[in-house]
Each structure stands twice: as structure tokens, then as C-alpha cells.
Amino acid sequence: MSRRPGRRYRDNLRIERDNEALYERLAALADNERLAQVYRRIAAGERANARFWEERLGQLGEAVPAPRIGMRVRILGWFAQHFGTGFVMPTVVRLEHADHAATPVDRSGHRDHFAGALASPVQRHRHGTRSGNTLRAAVLGANDGLVSNVSLVMGMAGAAAGDHAVLLAGLAGLVAGACSMAMGEWLSVNSSREFYQAQITERAERFAVAPEDGRRDIADLYRDKGLQPAAAEHLAGHVAEAPRAALDMLVREELGIDPGELGGSAWSAAVSSFCMFACGAWFPVAPYLFVGGTTALVASACTTLLGLALIGLGTALFTGRGVLFSIARQAAITMAAAAITYAVGHLLGIALGA
């Protein structure tokens, strides 16, 4: 059963107000006036959307809640202030998609603003966009480290292993997991880069040998976008006069990649994965360095909950869900995994001991 209209409208109003506050903050932090103007125009659109839901609440006879800045806006604003607006844009875009599904309000103006006035500023923010995606990967990497290592620590504790054994297992799990994640990321990025590079090389050679085929492909792309055949052929002829631009267009449209990026740096991805996995894995094992016995087990559970709260907070930035919901979901999943491994470790400890 769906929620009653008043509650839905209040949630939608909160989303629009958060978006308005976020874009106003980005406008204040933008590094050039052109970009700031675009952010302000989008904020004005969000303000209009907020008024839409205020009116709907009024029609229902519901009280309109007072404006307040949400936690997501504060956190994203902090990141934007310290790392630049481009750093948070991937997250903002994800939240826009999530909010669009929740609030049936026309947002086509956002796309128009960014497609026109923001074309060159967005290109200048490519590095920041990659950083924003790295931020998301960092949160997920820390989550992997925490969940896997708390499961390992609880499994050893359930087997009634000594504190020294639990500590060694936790540290071994931290190092092994971090190395595995780093190697996996390095191979993944390199393999992706090599695959796309081979695809680009093949298209470049084909275009050099048979430029008429490349021109025909470009014309087909324009026709697929709705242009008349004559207009598509005319534009394709102009694009084909610049081979690099033609190849760039074919790669972007056919492969869906940016030839200038190709997945980013494999070494950066590996180092980031290693560090973030290790950070997450450190929470459950750290108490065993200072205390032992039941005290260490309880302290490990407490530091794990602290890590889960931080990761849940980070996850909420990328999913658009509430902070409390994200933390609760994260805690439930991790506690279930820890309980299972504790029980299995306990049973194995009894069986091996017997």
C-alpha cells in the first residue's frame, strides 16, 4: 500500500529544498561566474518545484514544514568547498536521477542548462568527475573491508581462539584482502584499457583504409538521432574531413567511452582500493591490539558499529536514501554476516576440539 499523499508530498518537498540548497551552495563555490549562473538557474528551478509541493500540501490542508538543510547537503557542500564542485558532481547527478524517480516534476531544464552553458566547464571538470567516482568506490571498498574482516574476527572468536590468534587472523585478513582488492582493481582497469584501446585502434585503421565506411557510419549515427538522410550525409561529410574528430565521435557513440580517459589510472585505482579496504578492515581488529577476552570482543563490535555508521553515511550520499535508513541497513547486513560466521566458527571449534 502506498503512503498517504501528505507524507509523499512532504518527502518530495524535502528533496526539492535539499536540491535547491545544494545548487545554491555549488553556485557560491563555483570557480567561474558562468558555472555559478548555471547552478543558480537550476536552484531557481528547484525552488519552483518546492513551491509546487507546498501548494499541494496546502490543498490537502497539511502544514508546510519549515525549511531546513539536510545532512546530505551539508556533507556534499563540505566536499565541494574542500575539493571543488567537480568532485561532487557525479554524486549530485546520481541524486538527481534518484530524486526524479521520487518526484514527478519536470526537470528537463536541468539538462538544457548543462548541455548549453555548461558544455566547456563540465569538460574542465573531468578530473573532478573521476574523483567523484573514486569517492564512491572508496566508500564501497571500505565497506568490503569492514564486512569481510568483522566476519573473520567473529568467526575466530566464535571458535574460542585465543586473543593472539584472533589478532593475527584479523591482521592477515586485512593485508590479504587489501592486496587482493588492489590487484583486482589494477587488472580490471588495465584489462578495460587494453580492450578499449584495441577497439579504438581497429576503428582508426579501418577509417584510414576505408574513410568512406567511416563516413557512412557517422551518417548512420546522425540518422539514428532523427536527422533526415540528406542532412545526415552533409554533416557526416564535414565531420569526416577531420579524421581525429570523426574517430572520437565513432568511439564515443559506438563504444560509449571517452577516448581521453579509458578507465583512469590503474595504479591510482589499486592504491585507493588497498587503502580503503584496509581502513574498513581496521575497525573490527583494532581493539585486539589493546585489550583481550570479552572486553576485546565487545569493543570490536562497538568499533564495527562506528565504522558502519560512517560507511552508511557515505552510502546515503550515493543512493539518495535517508542517512538513518542507510546506517540501519548496513548494520543489519553486517551483523547477520558476523552472526553467521560466529556460529559457524563456534561449531567448528567444538567439532575440531572434540
Protein backbone atom coordinates (compact mmCIF):
# COMPACT_ATOMS: atom_id res chain seq x y z
CA MET A 1 0.00 0.00 0.00
CA SER A 2 1.34 3.41 -0.96
CA ARG A 3 1.97 6.12 1.59
CA ARG A 4 -0.69 8.72 2.15
CA PRO A 5 -0.39 11.80 -0.08
CA GLY A 6 0.58 14.20 2.70
CA ARG A 7 3.64 12.19 3.62
CA ARG A 8 4.68 11.74 -0.01
CA TYR A 9 4.32 15.46 -0.64
CA ARG A 10 6.42 16.33 2.41
CA ASP A 11 9.15 13.94 1.26
CA ASN A 12 9.10 15.46 -2.22
CA LEU A 13 9.23 18.96 -0.74
CA ARG A 14 12.25 17.98 1.35
CA ILE A 15 14.03 16.62 -1.75
CA GLU A 16 13.40 19.78 -3.77
CA ARG A 17 14.51 22.04 -0.93
CA ASP A 18 17.68 19.98 -0.48
CA ASN A 19 18.41 20.24 -4.20
CA GLU A 20 17.86 23.99 -4.12
CA ALA A 21 20.18 24.42 -1.14
CA LEU A 22 22.81 22.20 -2.74
CA TYR A 23 22.86 24.07 -6.04
CA GLU A 24 22.94 27.41 -4.23
CA ARG A 25 25.95 26.15 -2.31
CA LEU A 26 27.63 24.96 -5.52
CA ALA A 27 26.95 28.35 -7.09
CA ALA A 28 28.69 30.07 -4.19
CA LEU A 29 31.70 27.77 -4.55
CA ALA A 30 31.93 27.67 -8.37
CA ASP A 31 35.31 28.67 -9.77
CA ASN A 32 33.84 30.78 -12.58
CA GLU A 33 30.79 33.01 -13.00
CA ARG A 34 29.41 31.08 -15.96
CA LEU A 35 29.22 27.90 -13.94
CA ALA A 36 27.77 29.76 -10.98
CA GLN A 37 24.99 31.20 -13.15
CA VAL A 38 24.04 27.71 -14.32
CA TYR A 39 23.88 26.43 -10.75
CA ARG A 40 21.74 29.40 -9.74
CA ARG A 41 19.33 28.77 -12.62
CA ILE A 42 18.97 25.14 -11.58
CA ALA A 43 18.45 26.24 -7.97
CA ALA A 44 15.67 28.55 -9.15
CA GLY A 45 14.03 25.60 -10.90
CA GLU A 46 14.25 23.53 -7.73
CA ARG A 47 12.71 26.45 -5.81
CA ALA A 48 9.78 26.41 -8.22
CA ASN A 49 9.43 22.66 -7.74
CA ALA A 50 9.42 23.15 -3.98
CA ARG A 51 6.63 25.72 -4.28
CA PHE A 52 4.68 23.15 -6.33
CA TRP A 53 4.71 20.71 -3.41
CA GLU A 54 4.00 23.46 -0.88
CA GLU A 55 0.85 24.26 -2.84
CA ARG A 56 -0.15 20.60 -2.93
CA LEU A 57 0.25 20.34 0.84
CA GLY A 58 -1.86 23.47 1.23
CA GLN A 59 -4.59 21.96 -0.92
CA LEU A 60 -4.66 18.95 1.41
CA GLY A 61 -4.89 21.22 4.45
CA GLU A 62 -1.49 19.98 5.66
CA ALA A 63 1.01 22.20 7.46
CA VAL A 64 4.04 23.13 5.36
CA PRO A 65 7.22 22.20 7.29
CA ALA A 66 9.83 24.86 7.91
CA PRO A 67 12.88 24.69 5.61
CA ARG A 68 16.00 23.01 6.96
CA ILE A 69 19.24 21.91 5.37
CA GLY A 70 19.60 18.13 5.21
CA MET A 71 22.68 16.15 6.17
CA ARG A 72 23.46 15.20 2.56
CA VAL A 73 23.59 18.84 1.55
CA ARG A 74 25.94 19.70 4.42
CA ILE A 75 28.31 16.83 3.60
CA LEU A 76 28.34 17.42 -0.14
CA GLY A 77 28.81 21.13 0.49
CA TRP A 78 31.83 20.36 2.66
CA PHE A 79 33.36 18.17 -0.05
CA ALA A 80 32.66 20.82 -2.69
CA GLN A 81 34.29 23.50 -0.54
CA HIS A 82 37.46 21.50 0.05
CA PHE A 83 37.79 19.57 -3.22
CA GLY A 84 35.87 21.63 -5.77
CA THR A 85 32.38 21.41 -7.24
CA GLY A 86 33.50 18.91 -9.88
CA PHE A 87 34.40 16.46 -7.12
CA VAL A 88 30.77 16.08 -6.03
CA MET A 89 29.06 16.34 -9.42
CA PRO A 90 28.84 12.55 -10.06
CA THR A 91 27.05 12.19 -6.72
CA VAL A 92 24.76 15.13 -7.48
CA VAL A 93 23.84 13.55 -10.81
CA ARG A 94 23.03 10.23 -9.12
CA LEU A 95 20.85 12.01 -6.59
CA GLU A 96 19.11 13.86 -9.40
CA HIS A 97 18.22 10.52 -11.00
CA ALA A 98 17.02 9.11 -7.69
CA ASP A 99 15.00 12.22 -6.92
CA HIS A 100 13.48 12.23 -10.39
CA ALA A 101 12.04 8.78 -9.72
CA ALA A 102 10.57 10.03 -6.45
CA THR A 103 9.26 13.42 -7.56
CA PRO A 104 7.27 13.60 -10.82
CA VAL A 105 8.29 17.17 -11.63
CA ASP A 106 9.69 18.30 -14.97
CA ARG A 107 13.49 18.57 -14.78
CA SER A 108 14.24 18.88 -18.47
CA GLY A 109 15.58 22.38 -17.88
CA HIS A 110 18.48 20.89 -15.92
CA ARG A 111 19.64 19.02 -18.99
CA ASP A 112 19.24 22.10 -21.18
CA HIS A 113 21.28 24.24 -18.80
CA PHE A 114 24.14 21.77 -18.67
CA ALA A 115 24.07 20.91 -22.36
CA GLY A 116 24.48 24.51 -23.40
CA ALA A 117 26.02 26.86 -20.88
CA LEU A 118 27.89 24.13 -19.06
CA ALA A 119 29.50 22.38 -22.03
CA SER A 120 33.03 23.65 -21.56
CA PRO A 121 33.01 23.90 -17.73
CA VAL A 122 31.95 20.26 -17.49
CA GLN A 123 34.82 19.28 -19.75
CA ARG A 124 37.19 21.15 -17.48
CA HIS A 125 35.76 19.16 -14.57
CA ARG A 126 36.60 15.73 -15.98
CA HIS A 127 39.27 15.19 -13.38
CA GLY A 128 36.80 16.15 -10.65
CA THR A 129 34.25 13.73 -12.10
CA ARG A 130 36.73 10.89 -11.91
CA SER A 131 37.45 11.94 -8.34
CA GLY A 132 33.75 11.77 -7.52
CA ASN A 133 33.55 8.23 -8.89
CA THR A 134 36.68 7.38 -6.90
CA LEU A 135 34.96 8.68 -3.78
CA ARG A 136 32.07 6.29 -4.38
CA ALA A 137 34.49 3.39 -4.98
CA ALA A 138 36.33 4.31 -1.78
CA VAL A 139 33.15 4.02 0.31
CA LEU A 140 32.34 0.64 -1.24
CA GLY A 141 35.93 -0.55 -0.73
CA ALA A 142 35.86 0.40 2.94
CA ASN A 143 32.55 -1.44 3.29
CA ASP A 144 34.04 -4.60 1.77
CA GLY A 145 36.98 -4.44 4.15
CA LEU A 146 34.83 -3.95 7.23
CA VAL A 147 32.27 -6.66 6.45
CA SER A 148 34.83 -9.29 5.44
CA ASN A 149 37.15 -8.67 8.38
CA VAL A 150 34.48 -8.45 11.05
CA SER A 151 33.17 -11.78 9.75
CA LEU A 152 36.67 -13.24 10.02
CA VAL A 153 37.24 -11.85 13.51
CA MET A 154 33.85 -13.06 14.76
CA GLY A 155 34.44 -16.49 13.23
CA MET A 156 37.72 -16.83 15.09
CA ALA A 157 36.16 -15.51 18.30
CA GLY A 158 33.28 -17.99 17.94
CA ALA A 159 35.81 -20.81 17.65
CA ALA A 160 37.11 -19.76 21.08
CA ALA A 161 40.53 -18.98 19.63
CA GLY A 162 42.91 -17.02 21.81
CA ASP A 163 43.21 -13.26 21.54
CA HIS A 164 46.58 -13.65 19.82
CA ALA A 165 45.08 -15.92 17.17
CA VAL A 166 42.15 -13.56 16.59
CA LEU A 167 44.51 -10.61 16.21
CA LEU A 168 46.77 -12.46 13.78
CA ALA A 169 43.79 -13.65 11.75
CA GLY A 170 42.35 -10.12 11.62
CA LEU A 171 45.64 -8.57 10.52
CA ALA A 172 46.21 -11.33 7.97
CA GLY A 173 42.70 -10.80 6.62
CA LEU A 174 43.33 -7.06 6.39
CA VAL A 175 46.57 -7.43 4.42
CA ALA A 176 45.40 -10.31 2.22
CA GLY A 177 42.06 -8.66 1.42
CA ALA A 178 43.64 -5.28 0.69
CA CYS A 179 46.25 -6.85 -1.61
CA SER A 180 43.56 -8.87 -3.38
CA MET A 181 41.39 -5.79 -3.89
CA ALA A 182 44.34 -3.75 -5.16
CA MET A 183 45.44 -6.43 -7.61
CA GLY A 184 41.86 -6.94 -8.78
CA GLU A 185 41.40 -3.23 -9.42
CA TRP A 186 44.74 -2.97 -11.22
CA LEU A 187 43.89 -5.89 -13.50
CA SER A 188 40.35 -4.65 -14.07
CA VAL A 189 41.40 -1.14 -15.10
CA ASN A 190 44.29 -2.38 -17.24
CA SER A 191 42.16 -5.02 -18.95
CA SER A 192 39.46 -2.47 -19.66
CA ARG A 193 42.02 0.00 -21.00
CA GLU A 194 43.64 -2.63 -23.25
CA PHE A 195 40.27 -3.80 -24.56
CA TYR A 196 39.09 -0.30 -25.45
CA GLN A 197 42.47 0.66 -26.87
CA ALA A 198 42.31 -2.33 -29.20
CA GLN A 199 38.81 -1.30 -30.26
CA ILE A 200 39.94 2.28 -30.92
CA THR A 201 42.99 1.10 -32.87
CA GLU A 202 40.82 -1.17 -35.05
CA ARG A 203 38.44 1.67 -35.85
CA ALA A 204 41.30 4.07 -36.56
CA GLU A 205 42.88 1.63 -39.01
CA ARG A 206 39.56 0.94 -40.71
CA PHE A 207 38.86 4.66 -41.02
CA ALA A 208 42.32 5.24 -42.52
CA VAL A 209 41.96 2.41 -45.05
CA ALA A 210 38.31 2.99 -45.96
CA PRO A 211 37.26 6.55 -44.99
CA GLU A 212 34.02 6.14 -46.93
CA ASP A 213 32.96 3.40 -44.48
CA GLY A 214 33.62 5.73 -41.56
CA ARG A 215 31.64 8.48 -43.23
CA ARG A 216 28.78 6.06 -43.78
CA ASP A 217 28.86 5.03 -40.10
CA ILE A 218 28.75 8.67 -39.00
CA ALA A 219 25.82 9.35 -41.31
CA ASP A 220 24.02 6.33 -39.83
CA LEU A 221 24.57 7.73 -36.34
CA TYR A 222 23.06 11.07 -37.34
CA ARG A 223 20.08 9.33 -38.93
CA ASP A 224 19.56 7.31 -35.77
CA LYS A 225 19.35 10.62 -33.91
CA GLY A 226 16.48 11.72 -36.16
CA LEU A 227 18.15 13.74 -38.91
CA GLN A 228 16.94 13.47 -42.48
CA PRO A 229 19.22 11.36 -44.76
CA ALA A 230 20.41 14.36 -46.77
CA ALA A 231 21.26 16.38 -43.65
CA ALA A 232 22.97 13.35 -42.07
CA GLU A 233 25.14 12.84 -45.17
CA HIS A 234 26.04 16.54 -45.26
CA LEU A 235 27.10 16.62 -41.59
CA ALA A 236 28.96 13.32 -41.90
CA GLY A 237 30.97 14.77 -44.80
CA HIS A 238 32.06 17.73 -42.69
CA VAL A 239 33.00 15.53 -39.69
CA ALA A 240 34.93 13.10 -41.90
CA GLU A 241 37.17 15.96 -43.07
CA ALA A 242 38.78 15.89 -39.60
CA PRO A 243 39.82 12.23 -39.04
CA ARG A 244 40.59 12.67 -35.34
CA ALA A 245 37.22 14.25 -34.65
CA ALA A 246 35.49 11.56 -36.71
CA LEU A 247 37.27 8.79 -34.81
CA ASP A 248 36.47 10.47 -31.49
CA MET A 249 32.79 10.62 -32.43
CA LEU A 250 32.65 6.99 -33.54
CA VAL A 251 34.34 5.79 -30.36
CA ARG A 252 32.04 7.82 -28.11
CA GLU A 253 28.86 6.79 -29.90
CA GLU A 254 29.64 3.14 -30.69
CA LEU A 255 31.65 2.19 -27.60
CA GLY A 256 30.22 4.69 -25.14
CA ILE A 257 33.64 5.74 -23.78
CA ASP A 258 35.76 8.86 -23.61
CA PRO A 259 38.97 8.19 -25.59
CA GLY A 260 40.86 10.59 -23.33
CA GLU A 261 40.16 8.60 -20.15
CA LEU A 262 39.85 4.86 -20.85
CA GLY A 263 39.18 3.96 -17.24
CA GLY A 264 41.70 6.20 -15.49
CA SER A 265 44.96 5.20 -13.83
CA ALA A 266 45.34 1.53 -12.89
CA TRP A 267 47.85 2.37 -10.17
CA SER A 268 45.60 5.04 -8.62
CA ALA A 269 42.72 2.58 -8.56
CA ALA A 270 44.92 -0.10 -6.97
CA VAL A 271 46.32 2.20 -4.26
CA SER A 272 42.87 3.60 -3.49
CA SER A 273 41.37 0.10 -3.21
CA PHE A 274 44.20 -1.09 -0.95
CA CYS A 275 43.94 1.88 1.40
CA MET A 276 40.15 1.94 1.65
CA PHE A 277 39.80 -1.81 2.17
CA ALA A 278 42.47 -1.61 4.88
CA CYS A 279 40.70 1.31 6.56
CA GLY A 280 37.42 -0.59 6.69
CA ALA A 281 39.09 -3.82 7.85
CA TRP A 282 40.88 -1.97 10.65
CA PHE A 283 37.74 -1.20 12.67
CA PRO A 284 36.97 -4.74 13.95
CA VAL A 285 40.58 -5.76 14.60
CA ALA A 286 41.95 -2.61 16.29
CA PRO A 287 40.62 -3.33 19.83
CA TYR A 288 42.55 -6.61 19.99
CA LEU A 289 45.77 -4.58 19.95
CA PHE A 290 44.91 -3.05 23.34
CA VAL A 291 42.55 -5.36 25.25
CA GLY A 292 41.62 -9.03 25.28
CA GLY A 293 38.90 -11.51 26.09
CA THR A 294 35.25 -10.46 26.24
CA THR A 295 36.28 -6.81 26.50
CA ALA A 296 38.02 -7.01 23.13
CA LEU A 297 35.02 -8.75 21.56
CA VAL A 298 32.60 -6.07 22.82
CA ALA A 299 35.00 -3.29 21.82
CA SER A 300 35.33 -4.84 18.36
CA ALA A 301 31.54 -4.81 18.00
CA CYS A 302 31.44 -1.15 19.06
CA THR A 303 34.18 -0.01 16.68
CA THR A 304 32.50 -2.00 13.92
CA LEU A 305 29.24 -0.15 14.56
CA LEU A 306 31.16 3.13 14.38
CA GLY A 307 32.63 2.12 11.04
CA LEU A 308 29.20 1.04 9.81
CA ALA A 309 27.77 4.43 10.75
CA LEU A 310 30.47 6.23 8.76
CA ILE A 311 30.05 3.93 5.76
CA GLY A 312 26.26 4.18 5.96
CA LEU A 313 26.62 7.95 5.97
CA GLY A 314 28.80 7.75 2.86
CA THR A 315 26.42 5.30 1.18
CA ALA A 316 23.50 7.67 1.73
CA LEU A 317 25.29 10.27 -0.40
CA PHE A 318 25.23 7.99 -3.45
CA THR A 319 21.88 6.26 -3.07
CA GLY A 320 19.70 9.22 -2.15
CA ARG A 321 18.20 7.25 0.76
CA GLY A 322 17.97 8.62 4.28
CA VAL A 323 21.07 8.50 6.48
CA LEU A 324 19.38 6.52 9.27
CA PHE A 325 17.96 4.02 6.79
CA SER A 326 21.38 3.52 5.16
CA ILE A 327 23.10 3.03 8.53
CA ALA A 328 20.40 0.62 9.75
CA ARG A 329 20.52 -1.43 6.55
CA GLN A 330 24.31 -1.54 6.65
CA ALA A 331 24.29 -2.62 10.29
CA ALA A 332 21.66 -5.32 9.72
CA ILE A 333 23.55 -6.90 6.83
CA THR A 334 26.90 -6.80 8.63
CA MET A 335 25.50 -8.15 11.91
CA ALA A 336 23.85 -11.00 10.00
CA ALA A 337 27.16 -11.89 8.35
CA ALA A 338 29.02 -11.64 11.68
CA ALA A 339 26.41 -13.78 13.47
CA ILE A 340 26.62 -16.50 10.82
CA THR A 341 30.42 -16.65 10.90
CA TYR A 342 30.42 -16.58 14.72
CA ALA A 343 28.03 -19.53 14.82
CA VAL A 344 29.98 -21.46 12.17
CA GLY A 345 33.24 -20.74 13.99
CA HIS A 346 31.72 -21.90 17.27
CA LEU A 347 30.51 -25.16 15.73
CA LEU A 348 33.85 -25.76 14.02
CA GLY A 349 35.66 -25.01 17.27
CA ILE A 350 33.59 -27.62 19.10
CA ALA A 351 33.97 -30.18 16.31
CA LEU A 352 37.72 -29.74 15.96
CA GLY A 353 38.16 -29.62 19.70
CA ALA A 354 36.31 -32.91 20.06
